[in-house]
Amino acid sequence: MTHLFTYLGVEYYHPARQIIAGKVPDPSYFIFSDEPDFVARELDPCRGITVLPSLTPIESLELARLCRHYICSNSTFSFFGRPC
């Protein structure tokens, strides 16, 4: 079976966090996911990370729009809320 999307694990997100941490003093990270419990288990707890509870798509997009920086996943939805 061919999967359309590949799971992006810590091998993707930890280096992305390091890039932002090198440019933004004391960053805070807000994780948007439709599986917050899985994300909380998968990502090592670290300073500045908040895994948000399941939100409606509108709530997620509105909160994401307010963020100044963005680590984008391989999902079309994650592109919609990013800052322009």
Protein backbone atom coordinates (compact mmCIF):
# COMPACT_ATOMS: atom_id res chain seq x y z
CA MET A 1 0.00 0.00 0.00
CA THR A 2 1.36 3.42 -0.96
CA HIS A 3 0.92 6.23 1.55
CA LEU A 4 0.29 9.71 0.23
CA PHE A 5 1.83 11.41 3.26
CA THR A 6 4.92 10.43 5.15
CA TYR A 7 4.99 10.75 8.92
CA LEU A 8 7.34 13.56 9.94
CA GLY A 9 8.77 12.55 13.29
CA VAL A 10 11.22 14.11 15.67
CA GLU A 11 13.88 13.85 12.94
CA TYR A 12 12.06 16.72 11.21
CA TYR A 13 10.69 18.78 14.09
CA HIS A 14 13.69 18.90 16.44
CA PRO A 15 16.08 20.38 13.82
CA ALA A 16 13.35 22.85 12.81
CA ARG A 17 13.01 23.92 16.45
CA GLN A 18 16.78 24.37 16.64
CA ILE A 19 16.73 26.66 13.60
CA ILE A 20 14.06 28.85 15.17
CA ALA A 21 15.80 28.81 18.56
CA GLY A 22 18.94 30.09 16.83
CA LYS A 23 17.05 33.09 15.47
CA VAL A 24 14.36 33.84 18.07
CA PRO A 25 15.28 34.46 21.70
CA ASP A 26 13.36 32.23 24.13
CA PRO A 27 10.77 30.92 21.61
CA SER A 28 7.43 29.35 22.54
CA TYR A 29 6.05 26.52 20.42
CA PHE A 30 2.36 25.76 20.03
CA ILE A 31 1.60 22.37 18.52
CA PHE A 32 -1.59 22.13 16.47
CA SER A 33 -2.76 18.57 15.84
CA ASP A 34 -5.88 16.50 15.50
CA GLU A 35 -4.07 13.92 17.67
CA PRO A 36 -2.69 15.95 20.61
CA ASP A 37 -2.21 12.93 22.90
CA PHE A 38 -0.07 11.18 20.29
CA VAL A 39 2.00 14.32 19.70
CA ALA A 40 2.54 14.83 23.43
CA ARG A 41 3.84 11.26 23.74
CA GLU A 42 5.94 11.41 20.56
CA LEU A 43 7.75 14.71 21.10
CA ASP A 44 10.13 14.92 24.00
CA PRO A 45 8.88 17.43 26.52
CA CYS A 46 11.01 20.50 26.25
CA ARG A 47 10.92 24.05 27.39
CA GLY A 48 8.49 26.25 25.55
CA ILE A 49 6.30 23.54 23.94
CA THR A 50 2.54 23.61 24.43
CA VAL A 51 0.49 20.88 22.77
CA LEU A 52 -2.93 22.40 22.18
CA PRO A 53 -6.08 20.34 22.73
CA SER A 54 -8.16 19.32 19.72
CA LEU A 55 -9.65 22.48 18.26
CA THR A 56 -12.05 23.14 15.44
CA PRO A 57 -10.39 23.90 12.10
CA ILE A 58 -11.41 27.57 12.38
CA GLU A 59 -9.95 27.85 15.89
CA SER A 60 -6.71 26.21 14.75
CA LEU A 61 -6.35 28.47 11.72
CA GLU A 62 -7.10 31.61 13.71
CA LEU A 63 -4.56 30.78 16.43
CA ALA A 64 -1.93 29.72 13.88
CA ARG A 65 -2.45 33.00 12.03
CA LEU A 66 -1.39 34.86 15.17
CA CYS A 67 1.98 33.09 15.35
CA ARG A 68 5.05 34.99 14.12
CA HIS A 69 7.03 31.94 12.98
CA TYR A 70 5.91 28.62 11.68
CA ILE A 71 7.23 25.06 11.36
CA CYS A 72 5.08 23.58 8.65
CA SER A 73 4.18 19.90 8.38
CA ASN A 74 3.53 18.02 5.16
CA SER A 75 -0.18 18.78 5.19
CA THR A 76 -2.05 21.34 3.11
CA PHE A 77 -3.95 22.44 6.21
CA SER A 78 -0.72 23.49 7.91
CA PHE A 79 -0.01 25.96 5.10
CA PHE A 80 -3.32 27.81 5.49
CA GLY A 81 -2.66 29.48 8.85
CA ARG A 82 0.97 30.41 8.29
CA PRO A 83 1.94 34.07 8.26
CA CYS A 84 2.24 35.63 4.82
